[in-house]
């Protein structure tokens, strides 16, 4: 049986699932900025999530609970606020791979992992309010849905998982009215450096053709305390 066409499913906190491959959230402030911006004047500051904007409080690689997070660096909120203050037609966008999160196809209930992610992302969005924020998360299809042919086709899962361009393409088409931003850059920790687990973020920036920065470059460039 072939997979069904992806449909948008509403979740709590204002999140939407597009099929089983993608989760998104758009803050009211982001909608206002996009609506008010003239064509091709919008600017996008895009970020990875884990080990870029936040890290776990527990010290584990992956968050144990929805509240197991803290800012990656003490100046993260201030830096984001400063960038928005300097760019009145700017929005913040998070692109995160969440390959451990199962996004069940309807009519199945949301998985425990998805519910935890929704609560964690919501808490981060609240902490950053009222900054204009859009969130994208690439999720996985359950084994049950795969067997039944439900949910998004596997090629969509691949395209939406970084370094694939799917999340960026969806942002431009669905949230930015088909207008690529005037300026954009992307910040992420997977840069292919010694000790990095991968070069996924650097490759993603290359795929969508925007400048790339590591978290150290963006958040700590002028910081001497390294806290």
N, C-alpha and C. Protein backbone atom coordinates (compact mmCIF):
# COMPACT_ATOMS: atom_id res chain seq x y z
N UNK A 1 0.83 -1.19 0.00
CA UNK A 1 0.00 0.00 0.00
C UNK A 1 0.87 1.25 0.00
N UNK A 2 0.55 2.22 -0.83
CA UNK A 2 1.32 3.43 -0.91
C UNK A 2 0.96 4.38 0.22
N UNK A 3 1.93 5.23 0.61
CA UNK A 3 1.69 6.22 1.63
C UNK A 3 0.68 7.25 1.14
N UNK A 4 -0.15 7.73 2.05
CA UNK A 4 -1.14 8.73 1.71
C UNK A 4 -0.48 10.09 1.61
N UNK A 5 -1.17 11.00 0.95
CA UNK A 5 -0.66 12.36 0.82
C UNK A 5 -0.60 13.02 2.20
N UNK A 6 0.52 13.69 2.54
CA UNK A 6 0.65 14.33 3.84
C UNK A 6 -0.45 15.36 4.08
N UNK A 7 -0.99 15.35 5.29
CA UNK A 7 -2.02 16.33 5.67
C UNK A 7 -1.56 17.05 6.92
N UNK A 8 -2.08 18.26 7.12
CA UNK A 8 -1.72 19.05 8.29
C UNK A 8 -2.59 18.62 9.47
N UNK A 9 -1.95 18.29 10.57
CA UNK A 9 -2.65 17.86 11.77
C UNK A 9 -2.32 18.82 12.90
N UNK A 10 -3.33 19.44 13.53
CA UNK A 10 -3.06 20.37 14.63
C UNK A 10 -2.68 19.64 15.91
N UNK A 11 -1.76 20.24 16.65
CA UNK A 11 -1.36 19.74 17.96
C UNK A 11 -1.48 20.88 18.98
N UNK A 12 -1.26 20.56 20.23
CA UNK A 12 -1.33 21.59 21.26
C UNK A 12 -0.23 22.63 21.08
N UNK A 13 -0.41 23.76 21.73
CA UNK A 13 0.54 24.88 21.70
C UNK A 13 0.62 25.54 20.33
N UNK A 14 -0.32 25.23 19.42
CA UNK A 14 -0.33 25.86 18.11
C UNK A 14 0.58 25.21 17.09
N UNK A 15 1.08 24.01 17.36
CA UNK A 15 1.95 23.31 16.42
C UNK A 15 1.12 22.55 15.38
N UNK A 16 1.71 22.35 14.22
CA UNK A 16 1.10 21.56 13.16
C UNK A 16 2.08 20.49 12.70
N UNK A 17 1.54 19.31 12.39
CA UNK A 17 2.32 18.28 11.71
C UNK A 17 1.91 18.26 10.26
N UNK A 18 2.90 18.26 9.37
CA UNK A 18 2.63 18.07 7.96
C UNK A 18 3.00 16.63 7.64
N UNK A 19 1.97 15.78 7.51
CA UNK A 19 2.23 14.37 7.38
C UNK A 19 2.94 13.88 8.63
N UNK A 20 3.88 12.99 8.45
CA UNK A 20 4.67 12.48 9.58
C UNK A 20 6.11 12.95 9.53
N UNK A 21 6.44 13.79 8.55
CA UNK A 21 7.83 14.17 8.33
C UNK A 21 8.21 15.52 8.91
N UNK A 22 7.22 16.33 9.28
CA UNK A 22 7.55 17.71 9.65
C UNK A 22 6.58 18.27 10.67
N UNK A 23 7.15 18.98 11.64
CA UNK A 23 6.39 19.68 12.67
C UNK A 23 6.72 21.16 12.56
N UNK A 24 5.71 22.03 12.71
CA UNK A 24 6.00 23.46 12.60
C UNK A 24 5.19 24.28 13.59
N UNK A 25 5.73 25.47 13.86
CA UNK A 25 5.06 26.44 14.74
C UNK A 25 5.40 27.83 14.23
N UNK A 26 4.40 28.71 14.20
CA UNK A 26 4.61 30.10 13.79
C UNK A 26 4.02 31.00 14.88
N UNK A 27 4.84 31.83 15.48
CA UNK A 27 4.35 32.70 16.53
C UNK A 27 3.53 33.84 15.94
N UNK A 28 2.60 34.40 16.70
CA UNK A 28 1.82 35.55 16.21
C UNK A 28 2.71 36.71 15.78
N UNK A 29 3.81 36.91 16.52
CA UNK A 29 4.73 38.00 16.18
C UNK A 29 5.39 37.77 14.82
N UNK A 30 5.73 36.52 14.51
CA UNK A 30 6.33 36.21 13.21
C UNK A 30 5.33 36.47 12.09
N UNK A 31 4.08 36.11 12.31
CA UNK A 31 3.05 36.37 11.29
C UNK A 31 2.94 37.86 11.01
N UNK A 32 3.00 38.67 12.06
CA UNK A 32 2.89 40.12 11.89
C UNK A 32 4.06 40.67 11.09
N UNK A 33 5.27 40.21 11.40
CA UNK A 33 6.45 40.71 10.68
C UNK A 33 6.38 40.32 9.21
N UNK A 34 6.03 39.07 8.93
CA UNK A 34 5.96 38.61 7.54
C UNK A 34 4.88 39.37 6.79
N UNK A 35 3.75 39.60 7.44
CA UNK A 35 2.64 40.32 6.80
C UNK A 35 3.00 41.76 6.50
N UNK A 36 3.76 42.38 7.41
CA UNK A 36 4.09 43.80 7.25
C UNK A 36 5.27 44.04 6.32
N UNK A 37 6.13 43.05 6.16
CA UNK A 37 7.34 43.23 5.34
C UNK A 37 6.99 43.33 3.86
N UNK A 38 7.64 44.25 3.18
CA UNK A 38 7.46 44.34 1.74
C UNK A 38 8.18 43.18 1.07
N UNK A 39 7.76 42.87 -0.14
CA UNK A 39 8.33 41.74 -0.86
C UNK A 39 9.85 41.85 -0.95
N UNK A 40 10.52 40.76 -0.63
CA UNK A 40 11.99 40.64 -0.71
C UNK A 40 12.73 41.55 0.26
N UNK A 41 12.09 41.94 1.35
CA UNK A 41 12.79 42.73 2.37
C UNK A 41 12.98 41.95 3.66
N UNK A 42 12.35 40.79 3.75
CA UNK A 42 12.42 40.00 4.97
C UNK A 42 13.81 39.42 5.17
N UNK A 43 14.25 39.38 6.42
CA UNK A 43 15.56 38.81 6.76
C UNK A 43 15.36 37.65 7.74
N UNK A 44 16.14 36.62 7.58
CA UNK A 44 15.98 35.41 8.38
C UNK A 44 17.28 35.07 9.10
N UNK A 45 17.19 34.95 10.41
CA UNK A 45 18.29 34.42 11.22
C UNK A 45 17.87 33.01 11.63
N UNK A 46 18.52 32.00 11.09
CA UNK A 46 18.11 30.61 11.30
C UNK A 46 19.12 29.87 12.17
N UNK A 47 18.61 28.95 12.98
CA UNK A 47 19.44 28.28 13.96
C UNK A 47 19.06 26.81 14.07
N UNK A 48 20.05 25.98 14.34
CA UNK A 48 19.82 24.64 14.86
C UNK A 48 19.32 24.81 16.30
N UNK A 49 18.82 23.76 16.89
CA UNK A 49 18.29 23.85 18.26
C UNK A 49 19.28 23.31 19.30
N UNK A 50 19.45 22.00 19.33
CA UNK A 50 20.25 21.35 20.37
C UNK A 50 21.74 21.62 20.20
N UNK A 51 22.37 22.05 21.28
CA UNK A 51 23.79 22.40 21.31
C UNK A 51 24.11 23.61 20.43
N UNK A 52 23.07 24.39 20.13
CA UNK A 52 23.24 25.66 19.42
C UNK A 52 22.50 26.77 20.16
N UNK A 53 21.18 26.59 20.34
CA UNK A 53 20.40 27.52 21.17
C UNK A 53 20.27 27.02 22.60
N UNK A 54 20.11 25.71 22.74
CA UNK A 54 19.92 25.13 24.07
C UNK A 54 20.80 23.91 24.24
N UNK A 55 20.95 23.50 25.50
CA UNK A 55 21.61 22.25 25.86
C UNK A 55 20.81 21.63 26.99
N UNK A 56 21.09 20.40 27.33
CA UNK A 56 20.33 19.76 28.41
C UNK A 56 20.85 20.21 29.77
N UNK A 57 19.93 20.36 30.72
CA UNK A 57 20.33 20.65 32.09
C UNK A 57 20.93 19.42 32.74
N UNK A 58 20.48 18.25 32.31
CA UNK A 58 20.94 17.00 32.90
C UNK A 58 22.36 16.64 32.49
N UNK A 59 22.83 17.23 31.41
CA UNK A 59 24.15 16.89 30.89
C UNK A 59 24.14 15.71 29.94
N UNK A 60 22.98 15.11 29.73
CA UNK A 60 22.87 14.01 28.78
C UNK A 60 22.81 14.55 27.36
N UNK A 61 23.08 13.70 26.39
CA UNK A 61 23.07 14.13 24.99
C UNK A 61 21.68 14.54 24.55
N UNK A 62 20.68 13.75 24.96
CA UNK A 62 19.31 14.03 24.58
C UNK A 62 18.49 14.37 25.81
N UNK A 63 17.52 15.27 25.64
CA UNK A 63 16.68 15.71 26.76
C UNK A 63 15.89 14.54 27.33
N UNK A 64 15.89 14.44 28.65
CA UNK A 64 15.15 13.37 29.32
C UNK A 64 13.69 13.72 29.49
N UNK A 65 13.42 15.00 29.75
CA UNK A 65 12.07 15.48 29.97
C UNK A 65 11.85 16.76 29.19
N UNK A 66 10.61 17.25 29.17
CA UNK A 66 10.29 18.46 28.43
C UNK A 66 11.01 19.69 28.98
N UNK A 67 11.32 19.67 30.29
CA UNK A 67 11.98 20.82 30.89
C UNK A 67 13.50 20.62 31.06
N UNK A 68 14.02 19.58 30.44
CA UNK A 68 15.46 19.31 30.52
C UNK A 68 16.20 20.14 29.46
N UNK A 69 16.21 21.45 29.64
CA UNK A 69 16.93 22.33 28.73
C UNK A 69 17.31 23.62 29.45
N UNK A 70 18.37 24.22 28.98
CA UNK A 70 18.80 25.54 29.41
C UNK A 70 19.49 26.17 28.22
N UNK A 71 19.73 27.46 28.27
CA UNK A 71 20.39 28.12 27.13
C UNK A 71 21.79 27.58 26.93
N UNK A 72 22.19 27.41 25.68
CA UNK A 72 23.52 26.91 25.36
C UNK A 72 24.59 27.85 25.90
N UNK A 73 24.31 29.14 25.86
CA UNK A 73 25.21 30.16 26.38
C UNK A 73 24.35 31.23 27.04
N UNK A 74 24.89 31.85 28.07
CA UNK A 74 24.10 32.80 28.84
C UNK A 74 23.57 33.97 28.03
N UNK A 75 24.25 34.30 26.91
CA UNK A 75 23.87 35.46 26.12
C UNK A 75 22.93 35.14 24.96
N UNK A 76 22.46 33.89 24.84
CA UNK A 76 21.60 33.53 23.72
C UNK A 76 20.38 34.45 23.61
N UNK A 77 19.56 34.60 24.66
CA UNK A 77 18.38 35.47 24.50
C UNK A 77 18.75 36.90 24.14
N UNK A 78 19.80 37.44 24.78
CA UNK A 78 20.21 38.82 24.51
C UNK A 78 20.68 38.99 23.07
N UNK A 79 21.44 38.01 22.56
CA UNK A 79 21.94 38.09 21.19
C UNK A 79 20.78 38.05 20.19
N UNK A 80 19.81 37.20 20.46
CA UNK A 80 18.66 37.10 19.56
C UNK A 80 17.84 38.38 19.60
N UNK A 81 17.62 38.91 20.79
CA UNK A 81 16.89 40.17 20.93
C UNK A 81 17.62 41.30 20.22
N UNK A 82 18.93 41.34 20.35
CA UNK A 82 19.73 42.38 19.71
C UNK A 82 19.61 42.30 18.19
N UNK A 83 19.65 41.10 17.65
CA UNK A 83 19.56 40.94 16.19
C UNK A 83 18.20 41.42 15.70
N UNK A 84 17.13 41.04 16.41
CA UNK A 84 15.80 41.47 16.01
C UNK A 84 15.66 42.98 16.11
N UNK A 85 16.23 43.58 17.14
CA UNK A 85 16.16 45.03 17.30
C UNK A 85 16.84 45.75 16.14
N UNK A 86 17.89 45.15 15.60
CA UNK A 86 18.63 45.74 14.49
C UNK A 86 18.02 45.42 13.14
N UNK A 87 17.05 44.48 13.11
CA UNK A 87 16.44 44.06 11.85
C UNK A 87 14.92 44.02 12.02
N UNK A 88 14.25 45.16 11.90
CA UNK A 88 12.80 45.21 12.11
C UNK A 88 11.99 44.35 11.15
N UNK A 89 12.58 43.97 10.02
CA UNK A 89 11.90 43.05 9.10
C UNK A 89 12.51 41.65 9.19
N UNK A 90 13.02 41.32 10.39
CA UNK A 90 13.68 40.04 10.58
C UNK A 90 12.86 39.07 11.43
N UNK A 91 13.05 37.79 11.18
CA UNK A 91 12.43 36.74 11.98
C UNK A 91 13.48 35.71 12.36
N UNK A 92 13.23 35.01 13.45
CA UNK A 92 14.08 33.92 13.90
C UNK A 92 13.43 32.60 13.47
N UNK A 93 14.24 31.69 12.97
CA UNK A 93 13.72 30.38 12.54
C UNK A 93 14.62 29.29 13.11
N UNK A 94 14.00 28.28 13.70
CA UNK A 94 14.71 27.11 14.19
C UNK A 94 14.47 25.95 13.22
N UNK A 95 15.56 25.32 12.77
CA UNK A 95 15.47 24.10 11.97
C UNK A 95 16.17 22.99 12.75
N UNK A 96 15.43 21.99 13.17
CA UNK A 96 16.01 20.94 13.99
C UNK A 96 15.64 19.55 13.50
N UNK A 97 16.63 18.67 13.39
CA UNK A 97 16.37 17.26 13.14
C UNK A 97 15.99 16.59 14.45
N UNK A 98 14.86 15.93 14.46
CA UNK A 98 14.42 15.20 15.64
C UNK A 98 14.11 13.76 15.24
N UNK A 99 15.18 13.06 14.82
CA UNK A 99 15.03 11.71 14.31
C UNK A 99 14.59 10.69 15.34
N UNK A 100 14.64 11.06 16.62
CA UNK A 100 14.17 10.15 17.65
C UNK A 100 12.72 10.36 18.02
N UNK A 101 12.07 11.30 17.36
CA UNK A 101 10.68 11.64 17.69
C UNK A 101 9.74 11.03 16.67
N UNK A 102 8.85 10.18 17.14
CA UNK A 102 7.87 9.52 16.28
C UNK A 102 6.64 10.40 16.11
N UNK A 103 6.31 10.69 14.86
CA UNK A 103 5.16 11.53 14.53
C UNK A 103 4.09 10.64 13.91
N UNK A 104 3.19 10.16 14.74
CA UNK A 104 2.19 9.20 14.28
C UNK A 104 1.20 9.81 13.29
N UNK A 105 0.82 9.02 12.30
CA UNK A 105 -0.21 9.46 11.36
C UNK A 105 -1.58 9.29 12.01
N UNK A 106 -2.51 10.22 11.75
CA UNK A 106 -3.88 10.06 12.25
C UNK A 106 -4.46 8.75 11.72
N UNK A 107 -5.33 8.09 12.49
CA UNK A 107 -5.97 8.58 13.73
C UNK A 107 -5.23 8.22 15.01
N UNK A 108 -4.01 7.74 14.91
CA UNK A 108 -3.25 7.39 16.11
C UNK A 108 -2.98 8.64 16.95
N UNK A 109 -2.92 8.45 18.26
CA UNK A 109 -2.64 9.56 19.16
C UNK A 109 -1.17 9.97 19.06
N UNK A 110 -0.86 11.21 19.42
CA UNK A 110 0.54 11.64 19.41
C UNK A 110 1.39 10.74 20.31
N UNK A 111 2.59 10.44 19.87
CA UNK A 111 3.49 9.59 20.64
C UNK A 111 3.99 10.32 21.87
N UNK A 112 4.55 9.57 22.81
CA UNK A 112 5.13 10.17 24.01
C UNK A 112 6.29 11.08 23.63
N UNK A 113 7.10 10.64 22.66
CA UNK A 113 8.25 11.45 22.26
C UNK A 113 7.81 12.75 21.59
N UNK A 114 6.73 12.72 20.81
CA UNK A 114 6.23 13.93 20.18
C UNK A 114 5.67 14.89 21.23
N UNK A 115 4.92 14.37 22.18
CA UNK A 115 4.35 15.20 23.23
C UNK A 115 5.45 15.90 24.03
N UNK A 116 6.52 15.16 24.34
CA UNK A 116 7.64 15.76 25.07
C UNK A 116 8.29 16.85 24.25
N UNK A 117 8.46 16.61 22.94
CA UNK A 117 9.07 17.62 22.08
C UNK A 117 8.19 18.86 21.99
N UNK A 118 6.88 18.67 21.84
CA UNK A 118 5.96 19.80 21.77
C UNK A 118 6.06 20.67 23.01
N UNK A 119 6.11 20.03 24.17
CA UNK A 119 6.20 20.78 25.43
C UNK A 119 7.53 21.50 25.55
N UNK A 120 8.60 20.86 25.11
CA UNK A 120 9.93 21.49 25.19
C UNK A 120 10.03 22.68 24.24
N UNK A 121 9.57 22.50 23.01
CA UNK A 121 9.62 23.59 22.05
C UNK A 121 8.72 24.75 22.47
N UNK A 122 7.58 24.42 23.05
CA UNK A 122 6.67 25.46 23.54
C UNK A 122 7.33 26.28 24.64
N UNK A 123 8.01 25.60 25.56
CA UNK A 123 8.68 26.30 26.66
C UNK A 123 9.76 27.23 26.12
N UNK A 124 10.49 26.79 25.10
CA UNK A 124 11.52 27.63 24.49
C UNK A 124 10.90 28.82 23.79
N UNK A 125 9.79 28.59 23.08
CA UNK A 125 9.10 29.68 22.39
C UNK A 125 8.58 30.72 23.39
N UNK A 126 8.05 30.26 24.50
CA UNK A 126 7.56 31.17 25.54
C UNK A 126 8.72 31.99 26.11
N UNK A 127 9.86 31.33 26.32
CA UNK A 127 11.02 32.02 26.87
C UNK A 127 11.56 33.09 25.92
N UNK A 128 11.35 32.91 24.63
CA UNK A 128 11.83 33.87 23.63
C UNK A 128 10.78 34.92 23.26
N UNK A 129 9.55 34.74 23.68
CA UNK A 129 8.50 35.71 23.36
C UNK A 129 8.86 37.06 23.96
N UNK A 130 8.51 38.16 23.26
CA UNK A 130 7.69 38.24 22.04
C UNK A 130 8.51 38.31 20.75
N UNK A 131 9.67 37.69 20.70
CA UNK A 131 10.44 37.70 19.46
C UNK A 131 9.70 36.91 18.38
N UNK A 132 9.78 37.36 17.12
CA UNK A 132 9.11 36.66 16.02
C UNK A 132 9.82 35.34 15.71
N UNK A 133 9.16 34.23 15.95
CA UNK A 133 9.81 32.92 15.89
C UNK A 133 9.00 31.93 15.08
N UNK A 134 9.71 31.20 14.22
CA UNK A 134 9.14 30.06 13.49
C UNK A 134 10.00 28.85 13.79
N UNK A 135 9.36 27.71 14.01
CA UNK A 135 10.08 26.47 14.35
C UNK A 135 9.73 25.38 13.34
N UNK A 136 10.75 24.67 12.87
CA UNK A 136 10.56 23.47 12.06
C UNK A 136 11.33 22.32 12.69
N UNK A 137 10.70 21.16 12.77
CA UNK A 137 11.35 19.96 13.28
C UNK A 137 11.09 18.80 12.33
N UNK A 138 12.14 18.13 11.92
CA UNK A 138 12.01 16.95 11.06
C UNK A 138 11.85 15.72 11.95
N UNK A 139 10.74 15.02 11.79
CA UNK A 139 10.40 13.89 12.64
C UNK A 139 10.42 12.58 11.84
N UNK A 140 10.20 11.46 12.54
CA UNK A 140 10.24 10.17 11.85
C UNK A 140 8.86 9.52 11.83
N UNK A 141 8.69 8.59 10.92
CA UNK A 141 7.46 7.82 10.79
C UNK A 141 7.58 6.56 11.63
N UNK A 142 6.49 6.17 12.27
CA UNK A 142 6.52 4.98 13.11
C UNK A 142 6.62 3.72 12.26
N UNK A 143 7.11 2.65 12.87
CA UNK A 143 7.21 1.38 12.15
C UNK A 143 5.83 0.87 11.77
N UNK A 144 4.84 1.13 12.64
CA UNK A 144 3.47 0.70 12.35
C UNK A 144 2.92 1.42 11.13
N UNK A 145 3.16 2.74 11.06
CA UNK A 145 2.69 3.50 9.90
C UNK A 145 3.41 3.07 8.64
N UNK A 146 4.68 2.74 8.76
CA UNK A 146 5.44 2.28 7.60
C UNK A 146 4.85 0.99 7.05
N UNK A 147 4.52 0.06 7.95
CA UNK A 147 3.94 -1.22 7.52
C UNK A 147 2.58 -1.04 6.88
N UNK A 148 1.80 -0.07 7.40
CA UNK A 148 0.44 0.16 6.90
C UNK A 148 0.40 1.11 5.72
N UNK A 149 1.56 1.69 5.38
CA UNK A 149 1.59 2.64 4.28
C UNK A 149 0.95 3.96 4.60
N UNK A 150 0.92 4.32 5.88
CA UNK A 150 0.32 5.59 6.29
C UNK A 150 1.41 6.63 6.51
N UNK A 151 1.00 7.90 6.45
CA UNK A 151 1.95 8.97 6.71
C UNK A 151 2.69 9.41 5.46
N UNK A 152 3.73 10.17 5.67
CA UNK A 152 4.48 10.76 4.54
C UNK A 152 5.34 9.72 3.85
N UNK A 153 5.54 9.87 2.55
CA UNK A 153 6.48 9.00 1.83
C UNK A 153 7.88 9.15 2.42
N UNK A 154 8.66 8.10 2.35
CA UNK A 154 10.00 8.14 2.94
C UNK A 154 10.90 9.18 2.27
N UNK A 155 10.65 9.48 0.98
CA UNK A 155 11.48 10.48 0.33
C UNK A 155 11.25 11.87 0.92
N UNK A 156 10.04 12.13 1.44
CA UNK A 156 9.78 13.40 2.10
C UNK A 156 10.53 13.47 3.43
N UNK A 157 10.57 12.36 4.14
CA UNK A 157 11.34 12.33 5.39
C UNK A 157 12.81 12.64 5.11
N UNK A 158 13.33 12.08 4.06
CA UNK A 158 14.73 12.32 3.70
C UNK A 158 14.95 13.77 3.30
N UNK A 159 14.04 14.32 2.51
CA UNK A 159 14.20 15.69 2.02
C UNK A 159 14.09 16.71 3.15
N UNK A 160 13.26 16.43 4.15
CA UNK A 160 13.05 17.38 5.23
C UNK A 160 14.08 17.26 6.34
N UNK A 161 14.83 16.19 6.35
CA UNK A 161 15.87 16.04 7.36
C UNK A 161 17.15 16.71 6.87
N UNK A 162 17.70 17.63 7.67
CA UNK A 162 18.96 18.28 7.28
C UNK A 162 20.05 17.22 7.00
N UNK A 163 20.85 17.39 5.95
CA UNK A 163 21.03 18.61 5.16
C UNK A 163 20.10 18.78 3.98
N UNK A 164 19.03 18.00 3.90
CA UNK A 164 18.06 18.19 2.84
C UNK A 164 17.40 19.56 2.96
N UNK A 165 16.88 20.12 1.85
CA UNK A 165 16.35 21.48 1.85
C UNK A 165 14.88 21.60 2.20
N UNK A 166 14.22 20.48 2.56
CA UNK A 166 12.77 20.47 2.70
C UNK A 166 12.21 21.50 3.68
N UNK A 167 12.80 21.61 4.87
CA UNK A 167 12.27 22.55 5.86
C UNK A 167 12.40 23.98 5.36
N UNK A 168 13.53 24.30 4.73
CA UNK A 168 13.73 25.65 4.18
C UNK A 168 12.72 25.92 3.06
N UNK A 169 12.54 24.96 2.17
CA UNK A 169 11.59 25.13 1.06
C UNK A 169 10.18 25.36 1.58
N UNK A 170 9.81 24.62 2.62
CA UNK A 170 8.48 24.78 3.19
C UNK A 170 8.33 26.16 3.83
N UNK A 171 9.37 26.62 4.50
CA UNK A 171 9.34 27.96 5.09
C UNK A 171 9.07 29.01 4.02
N UNK A 172 9.83 28.98 2.94
CA UNK A 172 9.69 29.99 1.90
C UNK A 172 8.32 29.91 1.23
N UNK A 173 7.88 28.71 0.91
CA UNK A 173 6.62 28.55 0.19
C UNK A 173 5.40 28.81 1.06
N UNK A 174 5.37 28.26 2.26
CA UNK A 174 4.17 28.30 3.08
C UNK A 174 4.12 29.48 4.05
N UNK A 175 5.27 29.94 4.53
CA UNK A 175 5.28 30.99 5.54
C UNK A 175 5.69 32.35 4.99
N UNK A 176 6.53 32.36 3.96
CA UNK A 176 7.03 33.63 3.41
C UNK A 176 6.37 33.97 2.07
N UNK A 177 5.23 33.34 1.81
CA UNK A 177 4.43 33.64 0.61
C UNK A 177 5.21 33.44 -0.69
N UNK A 178 6.16 32.49 -0.65
CA UNK A 178 6.92 32.16 -1.85
C UNK A 178 8.05 33.12 -2.15
N UNK A 179 8.29 34.09 -1.25
CA UNK A 179 9.34 35.08 -1.47
C UNK A 179 10.58 34.73 -0.66
N UNK A 180 11.68 34.36 -1.29
CA UNK A 180 12.91 34.10 -0.53
C UNK A 180 13.32 35.35 0.23
N UNK A 181 13.89 35.20 1.41
CA UNK A 181 14.29 36.37 2.20
C UNK A 181 15.39 37.17 1.51
N UNK A 182 15.43 38.47 1.80
CA UNK A 182 16.46 39.34 1.24
C UNK A 182 17.83 38.89 1.72
N UNK A 183 17.92 38.57 3.00
CA UNK A 183 19.17 38.10 3.59
C UNK A 183 18.85 36.96 4.55
N UNK A 184 19.78 36.04 4.70
CA UNK A 184 19.59 34.93 5.63
C UNK A 184 20.95 34.34 5.99
N UNK A 185 21.02 33.72 7.14
CA UNK A 185 22.20 32.96 7.55
C UNK A 185 21.74 31.84 8.46
N UNK A 186 22.63 30.88 8.69
CA UNK A 186 22.27 29.72 9.51
C UNK A 186 23.39 29.42 10.49
N UNK A 187 23.02 29.12 11.73
CA UNK A 187 23.96 28.83 12.81
C UNK A 187 23.71 27.41 13.32
N UNK A 188 24.76 26.60 13.39
CA UNK A 188 24.61 25.25 13.89
C UNK A 188 25.92 24.67 14.38
N UNK A 189 25.83 23.65 15.21
CA UNK A 189 27.04 23.08 15.82
C UNK A 189 27.65 21.95 15.03
N UNK A 190 26.89 21.31 14.14
CA UNK A 190 27.42 20.19 13.36
C UNK A 190 28.15 20.75 12.14
N UNK A 191 29.43 21.10 12.35
CA UNK A 191 30.19 21.81 11.33
C UNK A 191 31.33 21.00 10.75
N UNK A 192 31.43 19.73 11.12
CA UNK A 192 32.50 18.90 10.61
C UNK A 192 33.86 19.18 11.23
N UNK A 193 33.86 19.87 12.37
CA UNK A 193 35.12 20.14 13.07
C UNK A 193 35.57 18.90 13.84
N UNK A 194 36.81 18.88 14.27
CA UNK A 194 37.28 17.79 15.10
C UNK A 194 36.43 17.74 16.37
N UNK A 195 35.83 16.60 16.64
CA UNK A 195 34.97 16.45 17.80
C UNK A 195 33.50 16.61 17.49
N UNK A 196 33.15 17.20 16.33
CA UNK A 196 31.75 17.31 15.94
C UNK A 196 31.24 15.94 15.51
N UNK A 197 29.96 15.68 15.78
CA UNK A 197 29.41 14.37 15.41
C UNK A 197 29.12 14.27 13.92
N UNK A 198 29.04 15.40 13.24
CA UNK A 198 28.74 15.40 11.81
C UNK A 198 28.99 16.80 11.25
N UNK A 199 28.75 16.97 9.95
CA UNK A 199 28.82 18.29 9.34
C UNK A 199 27.45 18.70 8.78
N UNK A 200 26.40 18.14 9.37
CA UNK A 200 25.04 18.31 8.87
C UNK A 200 24.62 19.76 8.75
N UNK A 201 24.92 20.56 9.76
CA UNK A 201 24.48 21.96 9.74
C UNK A 201 25.23 22.76 8.68
N UNK A 202 26.53 22.55 8.59
CA UNK A 202 27.31 23.25 7.57
C UNK A 202 26.83 22.86 6.18
N UNK A 203 26.53 21.58 5.99
CA UNK A 203 26.04 21.11 4.69
C UNK A 203 24.66 21.67 4.39
N UNK A 204 23.83 21.81 5.42
CA UNK A 204 22.49 22.38 5.24
C UNK A 204 22.59 23.82 4.75
N UNK A 205 23.46 24.60 5.37
CA UNK A 205 23.65 25.99 4.94
C UNK A 205 24.10 26.05 3.48
N UNK A 206 24.99 25.13 3.10
CA UNK A 206 25.45 25.09 1.71
C UNK A 206 24.31 24.70 0.77
N UNK A 207 23.47 23.77 1.22
CA UNK A 207 22.35 23.32 0.40
C UNK A 207 21.38 24.46 0.11
N UNK A 208 21.09 25.28 1.12
CA UNK A 208 20.13 26.37 0.92
C UNK A 208 20.83 27.67 0.54
N UNK A 209 22.16 27.61 0.38
CA UNK A 209 22.97 28.71 -0.14
C UNK A 209 22.89 29.97 0.73
N UNK A 210 23.19 29.79 2.04
CA UNK A 210 23.26 30.94 2.95
C UNK A 210 24.56 30.84 3.75
N UNK A 211 25.06 31.96 4.28
CA UNK A 211 26.26 31.93 5.11
C UNK A 211 26.05 31.07 6.34
N UNK A 212 27.14 30.43 6.79
CA UNK A 212 27.09 29.53 7.94
C UNK A 212 28.01 30.02 9.05
N UNK A 213 27.52 29.90 10.30
CA UNK A 213 28.32 30.23 11.47
C UNK A 213 28.14 29.14 12.52
N UNK A 214 29.18 28.91 13.29
CA UNK A 214 29.05 28.01 14.43
C UNK A 214 28.47 28.80 15.60
N UNK A 215 27.94 28.12 16.61
CA UNK A 215 27.43 28.83 17.79
C UNK A 215 28.50 29.68 18.46
N UNK A 216 29.74 29.17 18.48
CA UNK A 216 30.83 29.94 19.08
C UNK A 216 31.04 31.25 18.34
N UNK A 217 30.98 31.21 17.03
CA UNK A 217 31.17 32.43 16.24
C UNK A 217 30.04 33.42 16.45
N UNK A 218 28.82 32.93 16.53
CA UNK A 218 27.68 33.84 16.62
C UNK A 218 27.44 34.35 18.03
N UNK A 219 27.52 33.46 19.03
CA UNK A 219 27.15 33.84 20.39
C UNK A 219 28.33 34.24 21.27
N UNK A 220 29.55 33.78 20.91
CA UNK A 220 30.68 34.03 21.79
C UNK A 220 31.77 34.88 21.18
N UNK A 221 31.52 35.44 20.01
CA UNK A 221 32.58 36.14 19.28
C UNK A 221 33.24 37.23 20.12
N UNK A 222 32.45 37.98 20.87
CA UNK A 222 33.01 39.07 21.68
C UNK A 222 32.95 38.78 23.19
N UNK A 223 32.76 37.51 23.52
CA UNK A 223 32.62 37.13 24.92
C UNK A 223 33.95 36.58 25.45
N UNK A 224 34.39 37.11 26.56
CA UNK A 224 35.68 36.69 27.14
C UNK A 224 35.48 35.72 28.31
N UNK A 225 34.24 35.62 28.79
CA UNK A 225 34.02 34.78 29.98
C UNK A 225 33.88 33.32 29.62
N UNK A 226 33.38 33.05 28.38
CA UNK A 226 33.17 31.67 27.91
C UNK A 226 32.31 30.88 28.86
N UNK A 227 31.23 31.54 29.34
CA UNK A 227 30.31 30.88 30.26
C UNK A 227 29.07 30.46 29.54
